[in-house]
Amino acid sequence: MSGSVQKPILITGAAGLVGSTLAERLVKAGRPVIALDRYVQTLPSGVAVQACDLGDIHRLHAIAKDGIEAIIHCGAYSGPMVARDSPYSMVQVNIVGTANMLELARVHSVRRFIYCSSTSAYGKVDDSDVVVEGVPLRPASLYGASKVASEYMVTAYSDQYDVSGVNIRLSWVYGPRRTTDCIIRTMIENAQASRPTRMAFGLDFPRQFIHVNDAVDGLLLALDVEKPASSVYNITGDTRVTLGEIARLVRSVHPDADIELQPGDDPVDEIQAKFSIEAARQELKYTPKISLAEGIATYSKWLAEQKGAAS
């Protein structure tokens, strides 16, 4: 922006898996950010994260008082396995938190509002060849329902208050800095520590993973597209493999890995047909770049480096 000060992009959940990678990517590209999360911290790259509860609307407005270009809302409970015993907290963080961020976007007239949704919004969809964005949403968990409710609010703010909002439905994100439950990390860490991995399900259970770098690519494309043609996009790694296949890929990196899975469904996840990313390919020019084999190999290397640094 010649002759003017570039306004920052506000990122919530900036200490999390997606948010931290996103913040660092933007800063590396020379774009100013305001990084928010529950606690003050500094990311490995030096990006400073400010503490702000998404329920503290007054602090949010104070932080944004000098103007913001856009909001990328990653801050939330990050999966159906999180906060299962705290449903009220899930509603407050995932739904009320989104409402507060949308109001911030409206008051400060942001150029774009990107909401990090989830393919959990679909619920169980195993009766079709591919899942496109327009199929009926039937979430099977409170987490999925919170994503649907938030998506509807984003669309309503877009229609009623001219907030340019885009919902990005991410599949299972893995990669460096993931702290919540992740079967890929569990298998790798167990293999590195010469521990066995035993699961009473999963051998034939399909899941659709996406590497965090590909997820961030999708978010940035939605942020920078001049005029989004749609209000919602599936962003995945464009694969659908069983957890048994994930175990095989982990063994390709760690040949001595002792992994045994039994047939059966994941008790806290839904069986879902393959998600189509054709709309994102055509309208956002999104293409996943990191294969599962490459992603698992580089994730394993990162985990080993972290273990070495901590010892």
C-alpha atoms as a PDB file:
ATOM      1  CA  MET A   1       0.000   0.000   0.000  1.00  0.00           C
ATOM      2  CA  SER A   2       1.935   2.987  -1.237  1.00  0.00           C
ATOM      3  CA  GLY A   3       1.620   6.101   0.908  1.00  0.00           C
ATOM      4  CA  SER A   4      -0.403   4.431   3.650  1.00  0.00           C
ATOM      5  CA  VAL A   5       0.221   2.258   6.659  1.00  0.00           C
ATOM      6  CA  GLN A   6      -0.800  -1.337   6.099  1.00  0.00           C
ATOM      7  CA  LYS A   7      -3.340  -2.451   8.670  1.00  0.00           C
ATOM      8  CA  PRO A   8      -2.640  -5.703  10.509  1.00  0.00           C
ATOM      9  CA  ILE A   9      -4.415  -9.011  10.064  1.00  0.00           C
ATOM     10  CA  LEU A  10      -5.869 -10.216  13.351  1.00  0.00           C
ATOM     11  CA  ILE A  11      -5.433 -13.934  14.048  1.00  0.00           C
ATOM     12  CA  THR A  12      -7.164 -15.727  16.903  1.00  0.00           C
ATOM     13  CA  GLY A  13      -5.821 -19.025  18.203  1.00  0.00           C
ATOM     14  CA  ALA A  14      -2.397 -17.764  17.150  1.00  0.00           C
ATOM     15  CA  ALA A  15      -0.514 -20.126  19.465  1.00  0.00           C
ATOM     16  CA  GLY A  16      -2.277 -23.189  18.085  1.00  0.00           C
ATOM     17  CA  LEU A  17      -1.305 -25.516  15.271  1.00  0.00           C
ATOM     18  CA  VAL A  18      -2.913 -23.612  12.386  1.00  0.00           C
ATOM     19  CA  GLY A  19      -2.851 -20.126  13.903  1.00  0.00           C
ATOM     20  CA  SER A  20       0.850 -20.120  14.758  1.00  0.00           C
ATOM     21  CA  THR A  21       1.876 -21.410  11.334  1.00  0.00           C
ATOM     22  CA  LEU A  22      -0.385 -18.826   9.722  1.00  0.00           C
ATOM     23  CA  ALA A  23       0.984 -15.941  11.813  1.00  0.00           C
ATOM     24  CA  GLU A  24       4.561 -16.857  11.016  1.00  0.00           C
ATOM     25  CA  ARG A  25       3.818 -17.204   7.300  1.00  0.00           C
ATOM     26  CA  LEU A  26       2.237 -13.749   7.173  1.00  0.00           C
ATOM     27  CA  VAL A  27       5.048 -12.101   9.138  1.00  0.00           C
ATOM     28  CA  LYS A  28       7.639 -13.756   6.901  1.00  0.00           C
ATOM     29  CA  ALA A  29       5.821 -12.250   3.907  1.00  0.00           C
ATOM     30  CA  GLY A  30       6.107  -8.796   5.476  1.00  0.00           C
ATOM     31  CA  ARG A  31       2.448  -8.496   6.454  1.00  0.00           C
ATOM     32  CA  PRO A  32       1.666  -7.106   9.922  1.00  0.00           C
ATOM     33  CA  VAL A  33      -0.352  -9.273  12.283  1.00  0.00           C
ATOM     34  CA  ILE A  34      -2.046  -9.060  15.655  1.00  0.00           C
ATOM     35  CA  ALA A  35      -1.674 -12.515  17.152  1.00  0.00           C
ATOM     36  CA  LEU A  36      -4.109 -13.456  19.934  1.00  0.00           C
ATOM     37  CA  ASP A  37      -4.476 -16.501  22.148  1.00  0.00           C
ATOM     38  CA  ARG A  38      -5.374 -17.303  25.748  1.00  0.00           C
ATOM     39  CA  TYR A  39      -1.869 -16.724  27.109  1.00  0.00           C
ATOM     40  CA  VAL A  40       1.048 -14.420  26.361  1.00  0.00           C
ATOM     41  CA  GLN A  41       3.833 -16.217  24.566  1.00  0.00           C
ATOM     42  CA  THR A  42       6.411 -15.856  21.828  1.00  0.00           C
ATOM     43  CA  LEU A  43       6.383 -18.188  18.839  1.00  0.00           C
ATOM     44  CA  PRO A  44       9.672 -19.849  17.798  1.00  0.00           C
ATOM     45  CA  SER A  45      10.057 -17.312  14.993  1.00  0.00           C
ATOM     46  CA  GLY A  46       9.779 -14.430  17.459  1.00  0.00           C
ATOM     47  CA  VAL A  47       6.163 -13.483  16.732  1.00  0.00           C
ATOM     48  CA  ALA A  48       4.606 -12.104  19.931  1.00  0.00           C
ATOM     49  CA  VAL A  49       1.223 -13.505  20.934  1.00  0.00           C
ATOM     50  CA  GLN A  50      -1.017 -11.295  23.088  1.00  0.00           C
ATOM     51  CA  ALA A  51      -3.353 -12.762  25.705  1.00  0.00           C
ATOM     52  CA  CYS A  52      -7.032 -12.159  25.051  1.00  0.00           C
ATOM     53  CA  ASP A  53     -10.102 -14.187  25.918  1.00  0.00           C
ATOM     54  CA  LEU A  54     -12.548 -14.330  23.009  1.00  0.00           C
ATOM     55  CA  GLY A  55     -15.288 -13.562  25.506  1.00  0.00           C
ATOM     56  CA  ASP A  56     -13.698 -10.225  26.452  1.00  0.00           C
ATOM     57  CA  ILE A  57     -15.347  -8.068  23.821  1.00  0.00           C
ATOM     58  CA  HIS A  58     -14.085  -4.807  25.353  1.00  0.00           C
ATOM     59  CA  ARG A  59     -10.456  -5.914  25.187  1.00  0.00           C
ATOM     60  CA  LEU A  60     -10.958  -7.149  21.628  1.00  0.00           C
ATOM     61  CA  HIS A  61     -12.197  -3.719  20.546  1.00  0.00           C
ATOM     62  CA  ALA A  62      -9.351  -2.015  22.397  1.00  0.00           C
ATOM     63  CA  ILE A  63      -6.813  -4.189  20.582  1.00  0.00           C
ATOM     64  CA  ALA A  64      -8.402  -3.377  17.217  1.00  0.00           C
ATOM     65  CA  LYS A  65      -8.903   0.350  17.876  1.00  0.00           C
ATOM     66  CA  ASP A  66      -6.278   1.476  15.348  1.00  0.00           C
ATOM     67  CA  GLY A  67      -7.846  -0.589  12.594  1.00  0.00           C
ATOM     68  CA  ILE A  68      -7.457  -4.095  11.178  1.00  0.00           C
ATOM     69  CA  GLU A  69      -7.430  -5.273   7.590  1.00  0.00           C
ATOM     70  CA  ALA A  70      -8.913  -8.710   8.113  1.00  0.00           C
ATOM     71  CA  ILE A  71      -9.662 -11.378  10.713  1.00  0.00           C
ATOM     72  CA  ILE A  72      -8.709 -15.040  10.486  1.00  0.00           C
ATOM     73  CA  HIS A  73     -10.588 -16.747  13.279  1.00  0.00           C
ATOM     74  CA  CYS A  74      -8.782 -19.955  14.299  1.00  0.00           C
ATOM     75  CA  GLY A  75      -9.428 -19.703  18.045  1.00  0.00           C
ATOM     76  CA  ALA A  76     -11.695 -22.501  19.286  1.00  0.00           C
ATOM     77  CA  TYR A  77     -11.815 -25.900  20.902  1.00  0.00           C
ATOM     78  CA  SER A  78     -10.169 -27.887  18.150  1.00  0.00           C
ATOM     79  CA  GLY A  79     -11.970 -31.188  17.795  1.00  0.00           C
ATOM     80  CA  PRO A  80     -14.833 -33.435  18.918  1.00  0.00           C
ATOM     81  CA  MET A  81     -12.478 -35.134  21.414  1.00  0.00           C
ATOM     82  CA  VAL A  82     -11.775 -31.815  23.201  1.00  0.00           C
ATOM     83  CA  ALA A  83     -13.988 -30.503  26.050  1.00  0.00           C
ATOM     84  CA  ARG A  84     -16.374 -33.455  25.778  1.00  0.00           C
ATOM     85  CA  ASP A  85     -17.235 -33.012  29.450  1.00  0.00           C
ATOM     86  CA  SER A  86     -17.603 -29.223  29.204  1.00  0.00           C
ATOM     87  CA  PRO A  87     -20.396 -28.589  26.677  1.00  0.00           C
ATOM     88  CA  TYR A  88     -21.227 -25.128  28.017  1.00  0.00           C
ATOM     89  CA  SER A  89     -17.605 -24.089  27.629  1.00  0.00           C
ATOM     90  CA  MET A  90     -17.640 -25.412  24.038  1.00  0.00           C
ATOM     91  CA  VAL A  91     -20.643 -23.200  23.269  1.00  0.00           C
ATOM     92  CA  GLN A  92     -19.102 -20.125  24.891  1.00  0.00           C
ATOM     93  CA  VAL A  93     -15.750 -20.461  23.139  1.00  0.00           C
ATOM     94  CA  ASN A  94     -16.788 -21.787  19.740  1.00  0.00           C
ATOM     95  CA  ILE A  95     -20.098 -19.996  19.191  1.00  0.00           C
ATOM     96  CA  VAL A  96     -20.111 -16.886  21.385  1.00  0.00           C
ATOM     97  CA  GLY A  97     -16.433 -16.347  20.587  1.00  0.00           C
ATOM     98  CA  THR A  98     -17.240 -16.360  16.870  1.00  0.00           C
ATOM     99  CA  ALA A  99     -20.112 -13.921  17.409  1.00  0.00           C
ATOM    100  CA  ASN A 100     -17.725 -11.541  19.190  1.00  0.00           C
ATOM    101  CA  MET A 101     -15.204 -11.743  16.359  1.00  0.00           C
ATOM    102  CA  LEU A 102     -17.887 -11.102  13.757  1.00  0.00           C
ATOM    103  CA  GLU A 103     -19.042  -8.040  15.652  1.00  0.00           C
ATOM    104  CA  LEU A 104     -15.439  -6.846  15.715  1.00  0.00           C
ATOM    105  CA  ALA A 105     -15.311  -7.339  11.946  1.00  0.00           C
ATOM    106  CA  ARG A 106     -18.528  -5.375  11.461  1.00  0.00           C
ATOM    107  CA  VAL A 107     -17.575  -2.435  13.688  1.00  0.00           C
ATOM    108  CA  HIS A 108     -14.106  -2.113  12.182  1.00  0.00           C
ATOM    109  CA  SER A 109     -15.211  -2.718   8.570  1.00  0.00           C
ATOM    110  CA  VAL A 110     -12.647  -5.433   7.851  1.00  0.00           C
ATOM    111  CA  ARG A 111     -11.939  -6.408   4.249  1.00  0.00           C
ATOM    112  CA  ARG A 112     -12.327 -10.145   4.872  1.00  0.00           C
ATOM    113  CA  PHE A 113     -13.380 -12.495   7.680  1.00  0.00           C
ATOM    114  CA  ILE A 114     -12.033 -16.051   7.420  1.00  0.00           C
ATOM    115  CA  TYR A 115     -13.585 -18.652   9.701  1.00  0.00           C
ATOM    116  CA  CYS A 116     -11.716 -21.889  10.385  1.00  0.00           C
ATOM    117  CA  SER A 117     -14.544 -24.398  10.276  1.00  0.00           C
ATOM    118  CA  SER A 118     -14.264 -28.166  10.118  1.00  0.00           C
ATOM    119  CA  THR A 119     -15.473 -31.103   8.070  1.00  0.00           C
ATOM    120  CA  SER A 120     -17.053 -32.237  11.361  1.00  0.00           C
ATOM    121  CA  ALA A 121     -19.848 -29.860  10.345  1.00  0.00           C
ATOM    122  CA  TYR A 122     -21.053 -32.546   7.913  1.00  0.00           C
ATOM    123  CA  GLY A 123     -21.492 -35.315  10.450  1.00  0.00           C
ATOM    124  CA  LYS A 124     -21.819 -38.823   9.017  1.00  0.00           C
ATOM    125  CA  VAL A 125     -21.801 -38.763   5.219  1.00  0.00           C
ATOM    126  CA  ASP A 126     -20.923 -42.168   3.816  1.00  0.00           C
ATOM    127  CA  ASP A 127     -23.706 -42.532   1.251  1.00  0.00           C
ATOM    128  CA  SER A 128     -22.181 -40.588  -1.636  1.00  0.00           C
ATOM    129  CA  ASP A 129     -19.105 -40.758  -3.843  1.00  0.00           C
ATOM    130  CA  VAL A 130     -17.828 -37.321  -2.859  1.00  0.00           C
ATOM    131  CA  VAL A 131     -19.001 -34.675  -0.410  1.00  0.00           C
ATOM    132  CA  VAL A 132     -19.503 -31.218  -1.885  1.00  0.00           C
ATOM    133  CA  GLU A 133     -20.099 -28.095   0.165  1.00  0.00           C
ATOM    134  CA  GLY A 134     -23.845 -27.942  -0.518  1.00  0.00           C
ATOM    135  CA  VAL A 135     -24.895 -31.264   1.023  1.00  0.00           C
ATOM    136  CA  PRO A 136     -27.109 -31.085   4.142  1.00  0.00           C
ATOM    137  CA  LEU A 137     -25.176 -30.614   7.378  1.00  0.00           C
ATOM    138  CA  ARG A 138     -25.970 -33.172  10.090  1.00  0.00           C
ATOM    139  CA  PRO A 139     -23.304 -32.743  12.782  1.00  0.00           C
ATOM    140  CA  ALA A 140     -23.025 -35.699  15.149  1.00  0.00           C
ATOM    141  CA  SER A 141     -21.138 -33.878  17.922  1.00  0.00           C
ATOM    142  CA  LEU A 142     -21.471 -30.623  19.806  1.00  0.00           C
ATOM    143  CA  TYR A 143     -18.163 -29.603  18.259  1.00  0.00           C
ATOM    144  CA  GLY A 144     -19.583 -30.131  14.761  1.00  0.00           C
ATOM    145  CA  ALA A 145     -22.765 -28.288  15.734  1.00  0.00           C
ATOM    146  CA  SER A 146     -20.702 -25.354  17.014  1.00  0.00           C
ATOM    147  CA  LYS A 147     -19.012 -25.148  13.625  1.00  0.00           C
ATOM    148  CA  VAL A 148     -22.354 -25.177  11.789  1.00  0.00           C
ATOM    149  CA  ALA A 149     -23.773 -22.463  14.060  1.00  0.00           C
ATOM    150  CA  SER A 150     -20.684 -20.312  13.528  1.00  0.00           C
ATOM    151  CA  GLU A 151     -20.801 -20.806   9.753  1.00  0.00           C
ATOM    152  CA  TYR A 152     -24.410 -19.651   9.700  1.00  0.00           C
ATOM    153  CA  MET A 153     -23.455 -16.537  11.661  1.00  0.00           C
ATOM    154  CA  VAL A 154     -20.639 -15.780   9.213  1.00  0.00           C
ATOM    155  CA  THR A 155     -23.061 -16.081   6.308  1.00  0.00           C
ATOM    156  CA  ALA A 156     -25.667 -13.931   8.089  1.00  0.00           C
ATOM    157  CA  TYR A 157     -23.134 -11.181   8.816  1.00  0.00           C
ATOM    158  CA  SER A 158     -22.077 -11.329   5.168  1.00  0.00           C
ATOM    159  CA  ASP A 159     -25.643 -11.007   3.914  1.00  0.00           C
ATOM    160  CA  GLN A 160     -26.959  -8.523   6.471  1.00  0.00           C
ATOM    161  CA  TYR A 161     -23.932  -6.391   7.355  1.00  0.00           C
ATOM    162  CA  ASP A 162     -21.748  -6.702   4.245  1.00  0.00           C
ATOM    163  CA  VAL A 163     -18.915  -8.505   6.067  1.00  0.00           C
ATOM    164  CA  SER A 164     -17.015 -10.461   3.403  1.00  0.00           C
ATOM    165  CA  GLY A 165     -16.955 -13.799   5.186  1.00  0.00           C
ATOM    166  CA  VAL A 166     -15.583 -17.160   4.026  1.00  0.00           C
ATOM    167  CA  ASN A 167     -15.947 -20.467   5.871  1.00  0.00           C
ATOM    168  CA  ILE A 168     -13.065 -22.902   5.399  1.00  0.00           C
ATOM    169  CA  ARG A 169     -13.909 -26.501   6.305  1.00  0.00           C
ATOM    170  CA  LEU A 170     -10.601 -28.090   7.240  1.00  0.00           C
ATOM    171  CA  SER A 171     -10.239 -31.849   7.612  1.00  0.00           C
ATOM    172  CA  TRP A 172      -7.961 -33.470  10.241  1.00  0.00           C
ATOM    173  CA  VAL A 173      -4.922 -31.189  10.457  1.00  0.00           C
ATOM    174  CA  TYR A 174      -1.580 -32.695  11.479  1.00  0.00           C
ATOM    175  CA  GLY A 175       1.977 -31.472  11.666  1.00  0.00           C
ATOM    176  CA  PRO A 176       4.429 -29.632  13.927  1.00  0.00           C
ATOM    177  CA  ARG A 177       2.953 -28.057  17.091  1.00  0.00           C
ATOM    178  CA  ARG A 178      -0.229 -30.092  17.226  1.00  0.00           C
ATOM    179  CA  THR A 179      -0.970 -30.571  20.935  1.00  0.00           C
ATOM    180  CA  THR A 180      -4.425 -32.188  20.903  1.00  0.00           C
ATOM    181  CA  ASP A 181      -5.045 -35.875  20.219  1.00  0.00           C
ATOM    182  CA  CYS A 182      -3.482 -36.992  16.916  1.00  0.00           C
ATOM    183  CA  ILE A 183      -3.052 -40.622  15.893  1.00  0.00           C
ATOM    184  CA  ILE A 184      -0.168 -39.770  13.548  1.00  0.00           C
ATOM    185  CA  ARG A 185       1.807 -38.128  16.358  1.00  0.00           C
ATOM    186  CA  THR A 186       0.973 -40.973  18.749  1.00  0.00           C
ATOM    187  CA  MET A 187       2.266 -43.605  16.332  1.00  0.00           C
ATOM    188  CA  ILE A 188       5.443 -41.623  15.587  1.00  0.00           C
ATOM    189  CA  GLU A 189       6.249 -40.812  19.217  1.00  0.00           C
ATOM    190  CA  ASN A 190       5.648 -44.388  20.295  1.00  0.00           C
ATOM    191  CA  ALA A 191       7.914 -45.636  17.516  1.00  0.00           C
ATOM    192  CA  GLN A 192      10.641 -43.169  18.471  1.00  0.00           C
ATOM    193  CA  ALA A 193      10.442 -44.290  22.107  1.00  0.00           C
ATOM    194  CA  SER A 194      10.274 -48.016  21.196  1.00  0.00           C
ATOM    195  CA  ARG A 195       6.776 -48.201  22.694  1.00  0.00           C
ATOM    196  CA  PRO A 196       4.004 -50.279  21.132  1.00  0.00           C
ATOM    197  CA  THR A 197       0.873 -48.662  19.692  1.00  0.00           C
ATOM    198  CA  ARG A 198      -2.291 -50.663  20.358  1.00  0.00           C
ATOM    199  CA  MET A 199      -5.758 -49.572  19.252  1.00  0.00           C
ATOM    200  CA  ALA A 200      -9.017 -51.506  19.508  1.00  0.00           C
ATOM    201  CA  PHE A 201     -10.264 -49.903  16.273  1.00  0.00           C
ATOM    202  CA  GLY A 202      -9.079 -48.079  13.186  1.00  0.00           C
ATOM    203  CA  LEU A 203      -7.506 -50.703  10.918  1.00  0.00           C
ATOM    204  CA  ASP A 204     -10.238 -50.154   8.307  1.00  0.00           C
ATOM    205  CA  PHE A 205     -11.460 -46.739   9.491  1.00  0.00           C
ATOM    206  CA  PRO A 206     -10.979 -43.963   6.894  1.00  0.00           C
ATOM    207  CA  ARG A 207      -9.821 -40.466   7.745  1.00  0.00           C
ATOM    208  CA  GLN A 208      -8.888 -37.439   5.670  1.00  0.00           C
ATOM    209  CA  PHE A 209      -5.772 -35.633   6.847  1.00  0.00           C
ATOM    210  CA  ILE A 210      -4.252 -32.341   5.775  1.00  0.00           C
ATOM    211  CA  HIS A 211      -0.776 -31.063   6.606  1.00  0.00           C
ATOM    212  CA  VAL A 212      -0.797 -27.755   8.476  1.00  0.00           C
ATOM    213  CA  ASN A 213       1.126 -26.019   5.675  1.00  0.00           C
ATOM    214  CA  ASP A 214      -1.549 -26.969   3.144  1.00  0.00           C
ATOM    215  CA  ALA A 215      -4.265 -25.796   5.548  1.00  0.00           C
ATOM    216  CA  VAL A 216      -2.539 -22.412   5.825  1.00  0.00           C
ATOM    217  CA  ASP A 217      -2.263 -22.224   2.026  1.00  0.00           C
ATOM    218  CA  GLY A 218      -6.030 -22.604   1.796  1.00  0.00           C
ATOM    219  CA  LEU A 219      -6.689 -19.922   4.400  1.00  0.00           C
ATOM    220  CA  LEU A 220      -4.349 -17.429   2.724  1.00  0.00           C
ATOM    221  CA  LEU A 221      -5.899 -18.021  -0.687  1.00  0.00           C
ATOM    222  CA  ALA A 222      -9.348 -17.318   0.797  1.00  0.00           C
ATOM    223  CA  LEU A 223      -7.945 -14.225   2.486  1.00  0.00           C
ATOM    224  CA  ASP A 224      -6.457 -12.766  -0.684  1.00  0.00           C
ATOM    225  CA  VAL A 225      -8.922 -13.758  -3.402  1.00  0.00           C
ATOM    226  CA  GLU A 226     -10.419 -10.543  -4.757  1.00  0.00           C
ATOM    227  CA  LYS A 227     -14.047 -11.609  -4.506  1.00  0.00           C
ATOM    228  CA  PRO A 228     -14.899 -15.077  -3.181  1.00  0.00           C
ATOM    229  CA  ALA A 229     -17.297 -16.872  -5.491  1.00  0.00           C
ATOM    230  CA  SER A 230     -18.606 -18.991  -2.600  1.00  0.00           C
ATOM    231  CA  SER A 231     -19.081 -18.599   1.133  1.00  0.00           C
ATOM    232  CA  VAL A 232     -17.695 -22.026   2.054  1.00  0.00           C
ATOM    233  CA  TYR A 233     -14.902 -24.292   0.826  1.00  0.00           C
ATOM    234  CA  ASN A 234     -13.619 -27.739   1.709  1.00  0.00           C
ATOM    235  CA  ILE A 235      -9.849 -27.651   2.248  1.00  0.00           C
ATOM    236  CA  THR A 236      -8.272 -31.099   2.655  1.00  0.00           C
ATOM    237  CA  GLY A 237      -5.158 -32.985   1.649  1.00  0.00           C
ATOM    238  CA  ASP A 238      -7.270 -34.688  -1.053  1.00  0.00           C
ATOM    239  CA  THR A 239      -6.675 -38.154   0.393  1.00  0.00           C
ATOM    240  CA  ARG A 240      -8.894 -40.636   2.224  1.00  0.00           C
ATOM    241  CA  VAL A 241      -6.933 -43.444   3.839  1.00  0.00           C
ATOM    242  CA  THR A 242      -7.505 -45.891   6.677  1.00  0.00           C
ATOM    243  CA  LEU A 243      -5.625 -45.640   9.940  1.00  0.00           C
ATOM    244  CA  GLY A 244      -4.101 -48.960   8.928  1.00  0.00           C
ATOM    245  CA  GLU A 245      -2.573 -47.191   5.932  1.00  0.00           C
ATOM    246  CA  ILE A 246      -1.295 -44.439   8.242  1.00  0.00           C
ATOM    247  CA  ALA A 247       0.411 -47.149  10.288  1.00  0.00           C
ATOM    248  CA  ARG A 248       2.073 -48.460   7.114  1.00  0.00           C
ATOM    249  CA  LEU A 249       3.379 -44.978   6.285  1.00  0.00           C
ATOM    250  CA  VAL A 250       4.749 -44.573   9.819  1.00  0.00           C
ATOM    251  CA  ARG A 251       6.515 -47.943   9.460  1.00  0.00           C
ATOM    252  CA  SER A 252       8.086 -46.715   6.219  1.00  0.00           C
ATOM    253  CA  VAL A 253       9.857 -44.076   8.342  1.00  0.00           C
ATOM    254  CA  HIS A 254      10.295 -46.276  11.431  1.00  0.00           C
ATOM    255  CA  PRO A 255      10.633 -49.886  10.214  1.00  0.00           C
ATOM    256  CA  ASP A 256      10.717 -51.247  13.781  1.00  0.00           C
ATOM    257  CA  ALA A 257       7.476 -49.513  14.803  1.00  0.00           C
ATOM    258  CA  ASP A 258       5.261 -51.923  16.750  1.00  0.00           C
ATOM    259  CA  ILE A 259       1.743 -50.933  15.717  1.00  0.00           C
ATOM    260  CA  GLU A 260      -1.352 -53.105  15.977  1.00  0.00           C
ATOM    261  CA  LEU A 261      -4.842 -51.856  15.101  1.00  0.00           C
ATOM    262  CA  GLN A 262      -8.092 -53.779  15.216  1.00  0.00           C
ATOM    263  CA  PRO A 263     -10.959 -53.399  12.741  1.00  0.00           C
ATOM    264  CA  GLY A 264     -13.744 -51.027  13.726  1.00  0.00           C
ATOM    265  CA  ASP A 265     -14.837 -47.410  13.748  1.00  0.00           C
ATOM    266  CA  ASP A 266     -13.327 -44.605  15.798  1.00  0.00           C
ATOM    267  CA  PRO A 267     -15.791 -44.122  18.682  1.00  0.00           C
ATOM    268  CA  VAL A 268     -15.390 -40.305  18.648  1.00  0.00           C
ATOM    269  CA  ASP A 269     -15.349 -39.709  14.904  1.00  0.00           C
ATOM    270  CA  GLU A 270     -17.747 -40.146  11.993  1.00  0.00           C
ATOM    271  CA  ILE A 271     -17.339 -42.192   8.827  1.00  0.00           C
ATOM    272  CA  GLN A 272     -17.289 -39.710   5.972  1.00  0.00           C
ATOM    273  CA  ALA A 273     -17.040 -40.075   2.211  1.00  0.00           C
ATOM    274  CA  LYS A 274     -14.259 -38.213   0.444  1.00  0.00           C
ATOM    275  CA  PHE A 275     -14.589 -34.442   0.556  1.00  0.00           C
ATOM    276  CA  SER A 276     -14.448 -32.692  -2.779  1.00  0.00           C
ATOM    277  CA  ILE A 277     -11.972 -29.819  -3.039  1.00  0.00           C
ATOM    278  CA  GLU A 278     -12.974 -28.998  -6.612  1.00  0.00           C
ATOM    279  CA  ALA A 279     -14.557 -25.654  -5.657  1.00  0.00           C
ATOM    280  CA  ALA A 280     -11.354 -24.593  -3.904  1.00  0.00           C
ATOM    281  CA  ARG A 281      -9.284 -25.775  -6.868  1.00  0.00           C
ATOM    282  CA  GLN A 282     -11.355 -23.783  -9.333  1.00  0.00           C
ATOM    283  CA  GLU A 283     -12.185 -20.643  -7.351  1.00  0.00           C
ATOM    284  CA  LEU A 284      -9.219 -20.260  -4.967  1.00  0.00           C
ATOM    285  CA  LYS A 285      -6.586 -22.055  -7.093  1.00  0.00           C
ATOM    286  CA  TYR A 286      -5.888 -24.321  -4.107  1.00  0.00           C
ATOM    287  CA  THR A 287      -3.830 -27.475  -4.559  1.00  0.00           C
ATOM    288  CA  PRO A 288      -2.450 -29.510  -1.634  1.00  0.00           C
ATOM    289  CA  LYS A 289       1.321 -29.819  -1.958  1.00  0.00           C
ATOM    290  CA  ILE A 290       2.373 -32.190   0.852  1.00  0.00           C
ATOM    291  CA  SER A 291       1.695 -35.901   0.444  1.00  0.00           C
ATOM    292  CA  LEU A 292       0.977 -38.028   3.489  1.00  0.00           C
ATOM    293  CA  ALA A 293       4.266 -39.847   3.030  1.00  0.00           C
ATOM    294  CA  GLU A 294       6.239 -36.597   2.947  1.00  0.00           C
ATOM    295  CA  GLY A 295       4.218 -35.041   5.765  1.00  0.00           C
ATOM    296  CA  ILE A 296       4.689 -38.019   8.084  1.00  0.00           C
ATOM    297  CA  ALA A 297       8.423 -38.142   7.354  1.00  0.00           C
ATOM    298  CA  THR A 298       8.967 -34.431   8.045  1.00  0.00           C
ATOM    299  CA  TYR A 299       6.694 -34.529  11.106  1.00  0.00           C
ATOM    300  CA  SER A 300       8.728 -37.424  12.484  1.00  0.00           C
ATOM    301  CA  LYS A 301      11.942 -35.457  11.966  1.00  0.00           C
ATOM    302  CA  TRP A 302      10.457 -32.413  13.739  1.00  0.00           C
ATOM    303  CA  LEU A 303       9.270 -34.497  16.708  1.00  0.00           C
ATOM    304  CA  ALA A 304      12.721 -36.063  17.039  1.00  0.00           C
ATOM    305  CA  GLU A 305      14.328 -32.611  16.991  1.00  0.00           C
ATOM    306  CA  GLN A 306      11.945 -31.377  19.694  1.00  0.00           C
ATOM    307  CA  LYS A 307      12.717 -34.384  21.853  1.00  0.00           C
ATOM    308  CA  GLY A 308      16.447 -33.796  21.403  1.00  0.00           C
ATOM    309  CA  ALA A 309      16.143 -30.097  22.262  1.00  0.00           C
ATOM    310  CA  ALA A 310      14.218 -30.914  25.450  1.00  0.00           C
ATOM    311  CA  SER A 311      16.678 -33.520  26.701  1.00  0.00           C
END
